Amino acid sequence: MRVETASQTLQARAVSRKHASSNSGQSAVWQARLILLVMINVAQLWILSAAVEAALARHYSMLVPLVVASGVCWLIALSIVFWWRPVSRRHTSTGYIRAPKKE
């Protein structure tokens, strides 16, 4: 049987809260990325439907700006997927790893 003192219990709760707050911050970043991707994809679908409509109506002069806009949406979505990552608190702007803070 394990007996914990009050200070051990408080320390365990503080550690679990600390981990929960860092995980919730990272999940907020991932949720924001997902929302951005959905919004960009909806805009891209709207642009592509306008391009199909212009092609069916034989308004070929409208196709170039619509295809360029769709390509820009695709590049933005690609950059969100591959390069927008939450950074660790231990990394500095120069890339060196900081020593963990002593509490």
C-alpha atoms as a PDB file:
ATOM      1  CA  MET A   1       0.000   0.000   0.000  1.00  0.00           C
ATOM      2  CA  ARG A   2       1.335   3.395  -0.964  1.00  0.00           C
ATOM      3  CA  VAL A   3       0.914   6.400   1.239  1.00  0.00           C
ATOM      4  CA  GLU A   4       1.413   9.848  -0.288  1.00  0.00           C
ATOM      5  CA  THR A   5       2.026  13.001   1.613  1.00  0.00           C
ATOM      6  CA  ALA A   6       0.146  16.177   0.806  1.00  0.00           C
ATOM      7  CA  SER A   7       3.227  17.777  -0.790  1.00  0.00           C
ATOM      8  CA  GLN A   8       3.731  14.790  -3.116  1.00  0.00           C
ATOM      9  CA  THR A   9       0.108  14.967  -4.178  1.00  0.00           C
ATOM     10  CA  LEU A  10       0.358  18.702  -4.879  1.00  0.00           C
ATOM     11  CA  GLN A  11       3.556  18.208  -6.892  1.00  0.00           C
ATOM     12  CA  ALA A  12       1.932  15.471  -8.966  1.00  0.00           C
ATOM     13  CA  ARG A  13      -1.059  17.704  -9.700  1.00  0.00           C
ATOM     14  CA  ALA A  14       1.184  20.619 -10.696  1.00  0.00           C
ATOM     15  CA  VAL A  15       3.120  18.406 -13.114  1.00  0.00           C
ATOM     16  CA  SER A  16      -0.060  17.020 -14.666  1.00  0.00           C
ATOM     17  CA  ARG A  17      -1.478  20.562 -15.089  1.00  0.00           C
ATOM     18  CA  LYS A  18       1.750  21.704 -16.706  1.00  0.00           C
ATOM     19  CA  HIS A  19       1.627  18.869 -19.257  1.00  0.00           C
ATOM     20  CA  ALA A  20      -2.069  19.439 -19.898  1.00  0.00           C
ATOM     21  CA  SER A  21      -1.565  23.136 -20.617  1.00  0.00           C
ATOM     22  CA  SER A  22       1.260  22.470 -23.104  1.00  0.00           C
ATOM     23  CA  ASN A  23      -0.782  19.774 -24.854  1.00  0.00           C
ATOM     24  CA  SER A  24      -3.831  22.028 -25.066  1.00  0.00           C
ATOM     25  CA  GLY A  25      -1.706  24.765 -26.616  1.00  0.00           C
ATOM     26  CA  GLN A  26      -0.400  22.387 -29.253  1.00  0.00           C
ATOM     27  CA  SER A  27      -3.861  21.059 -29.972  1.00  0.00           C
ATOM     28  CA  ALA A  28      -5.083  24.635 -30.463  1.00  0.00           C
ATOM     29  CA  VAL A  29      -2.373  25.158 -33.083  1.00  0.00           C
ATOM     30  CA  TRP A  30      -3.329  21.945 -34.877  1.00  0.00           C
ATOM     31  CA  GLN A  31      -7.005  22.911 -34.797  1.00  0.00           C
ATOM     32  CA  ALA A  32      -6.204  26.335 -36.248  1.00  0.00           C
ATOM     33  CA  ARG A  33      -4.203  24.684 -39.042  1.00  0.00           C
ATOM     34  CA  LEU A  34      -7.113  22.368 -39.787  1.00  0.00           C
ATOM     35  CA  ILE A  35      -9.586  25.256 -39.925  1.00  0.00           C
ATOM     36  CA  LEU A  36      -7.280  27.199 -42.266  1.00  0.00           C
ATOM     37  CA  LEU A  37      -6.952  24.178 -44.546  1.00  0.00           C
ATOM     38  CA  VAL A  38     -10.717  23.681 -44.687  1.00  0.00           C
ATOM     39  CA  MET A  39     -11.318  27.360 -45.498  1.00  0.00           C
ATOM     40  CA  ILE A  40      -8.667  27.361 -48.228  1.00  0.00           C
ATOM     41  CA  ASN A  41     -10.036  24.154 -49.739  1.00  0.00           C
ATOM     42  CA  VAL A  42     -13.580  25.558 -49.803  1.00  0.00           C
ATOM     43  CA  ALA A  43     -12.276  28.668 -51.576  1.00  0.00           C
ATOM     44  CA  GLN A  44     -10.348  26.500 -54.027  1.00  0.00           C
ATOM     45  CA  LEU A  45     -13.440  24.417 -54.802  1.00  0.00           C
ATOM     46  CA  TRP A  46     -15.392  27.616 -55.420  1.00  0.00           C
ATOM     47  CA  ILE A  47     -12.663  28.883 -57.784  1.00  0.00           C
ATOM     48  CA  LEU A  48     -12.535  25.550 -59.627  1.00  0.00           C
ATOM     49  CA  SER A  49     -16.306  25.489 -60.055  1.00  0.00           C
ATOM     50  CA  ALA A  50     -16.121  29.001 -61.513  1.00  0.00           C
ATOM     51  CA  ALA A  51     -13.392  27.782 -63.881  1.00  0.00           C
ATOM     52  CA  VAL A  52     -15.540  24.872 -65.068  1.00  0.00           C
ATOM     53  CA  GLU A  53     -18.493  27.201 -65.522  1.00  0.00           C
ATOM     54  CA  ALA A  54     -16.351  29.644 -67.546  1.00  0.00           C
ATOM     55  CA  ALA A  55     -15.026  26.825 -69.716  1.00  0.00           C
ATOM     56  CA  LEU A  56     -18.530  25.497 -70.386  1.00  0.00           C
ATOM     57  CA  ALA A  57     -19.697  29.008 -71.298  1.00  0.00           C
ATOM     58  CA  ARG A  58     -16.656  29.358 -73.621  1.00  0.00           C
ATOM     59  CA  HIS A  59     -15.280  32.377 -71.743  1.00  0.00           C
ATOM     60  CA  TYR A  60     -11.680  31.263 -72.102  1.00  0.00           C
ATOM     61  CA  SER A  61     -10.251  34.630 -71.081  1.00  0.00           C
ATOM     62  CA  MET A  62     -11.503  33.990 -67.535  1.00  0.00           C
ATOM     63  CA  LEU A  63      -9.678  30.665 -67.218  1.00  0.00           C
ATOM     64  CA  VAL A  64      -6.151  32.064 -66.744  1.00  0.00           C
ATOM     65  CA  PRO A  65      -6.903  34.146 -63.609  1.00  0.00           C
ATOM     66  CA  LEU A  66      -9.015  31.339 -62.129  1.00  0.00           C
ATOM     67  CA  VAL A  67      -6.323  28.717 -62.686  1.00  0.00           C
ATOM     68  CA  VAL A  68      -3.699  31.058 -61.178  1.00  0.00           C
ATOM     69  CA  ALA A  69      -5.925  31.698 -58.139  1.00  0.00           C
ATOM     70  CA  SER A  70      -6.455  27.959 -57.707  1.00  0.00           C
ATOM     71  CA  GLY A  71      -2.692  27.408 -57.889  1.00  0.00           C
ATOM     72  CA  VAL A  72      -2.108  30.065 -55.233  1.00  0.00           C
ATOM     73  CA  CYS A  73      -4.645  28.335 -52.962  1.00  0.00           C
ATOM     74  CA  TRP A  74      -2.876  25.037 -53.551  1.00  0.00           C
ATOM     75  CA  LEU A  75       0.529  26.543 -52.665  1.00  0.00           C
ATOM     76  CA  ILE A  76      -0.859  28.099 -49.477  1.00  0.00           C
ATOM     77  CA  ALA A  77      -2.401  24.770 -48.429  1.00  0.00           C
ATOM     78  CA  LEU A  78       0.864  22.990 -49.202  1.00  0.00           C
ATOM     79  CA  SER A  79       2.814  25.460 -47.082  1.00  0.00           C
ATOM     80  CA  ILE A  80       0.421  24.995 -44.169  1.00  0.00           C
ATOM     81  CA  VAL A  81       0.784  21.226 -44.333  1.00  0.00           C
ATOM     82  CA  PHE A  82       4.572  21.087 -44.590  1.00  0.00           C
ATOM     83  CA  TRP A  83       6.045  24.210 -42.987  1.00  0.00           C
ATOM     84  CA  TRP A  84       3.706  25.694 -40.379  1.00  0.00           C
ATOM     85  CA  ARG A  85       4.619  23.687 -37.306  1.00  0.00           C
ATOM     86  CA  PRO A  86       4.323  24.637 -33.655  1.00  0.00           C
ATOM     87  CA  VAL A  87       7.782  25.342 -32.317  1.00  0.00           C
ATOM     88  CA  SER A  88       9.139  23.838 -29.170  1.00  0.00           C
ATOM     89  CA  ARG A  89       9.711  26.145 -26.240  1.00  0.00           C
ATOM     90  CA  ARG A  90      13.187  24.691 -25.885  1.00  0.00           C
ATOM     91  CA  HIS A  91      14.408  25.867 -29.311  1.00  0.00           C
ATOM     92  CA  THR A  92      15.712  29.369 -29.835  1.00  0.00           C
ATOM     93  CA  SER A  93      15.541  31.409 -33.027  1.00  0.00           C
ATOM     94  CA  THR A  94      19.073  30.295 -33.898  1.00  0.00           C
ATOM     95  CA  GLY A  95      18.190  26.624 -33.520  1.00  0.00           C
ATOM     96  CA  TYR A  96      20.104  25.911 -30.344  1.00  0.00           C
ATOM     97  CA  ILE A  97      18.351  23.991 -27.618  1.00  0.00           C
ATOM     98  CA  ARG A  98      17.816  25.809 -24.349  1.00  0.00           C
ATOM     99  CA  ALA A  99      18.391  24.094 -21.090  1.00  0.00           C
ATOM    100  CA  PRO A 100      15.120  23.304 -19.310  1.00  0.00           C
ATOM    101  CA  LYS A 101      14.058  25.809 -16.689  1.00  0.00           C
ATOM    102  CA  LYS A 102      14.704  24.773 -13.123  1.00  0.00           C
ATOM    103  CA  GLU A 103      11.728  25.116 -10.855  1.00  0.00           C
END
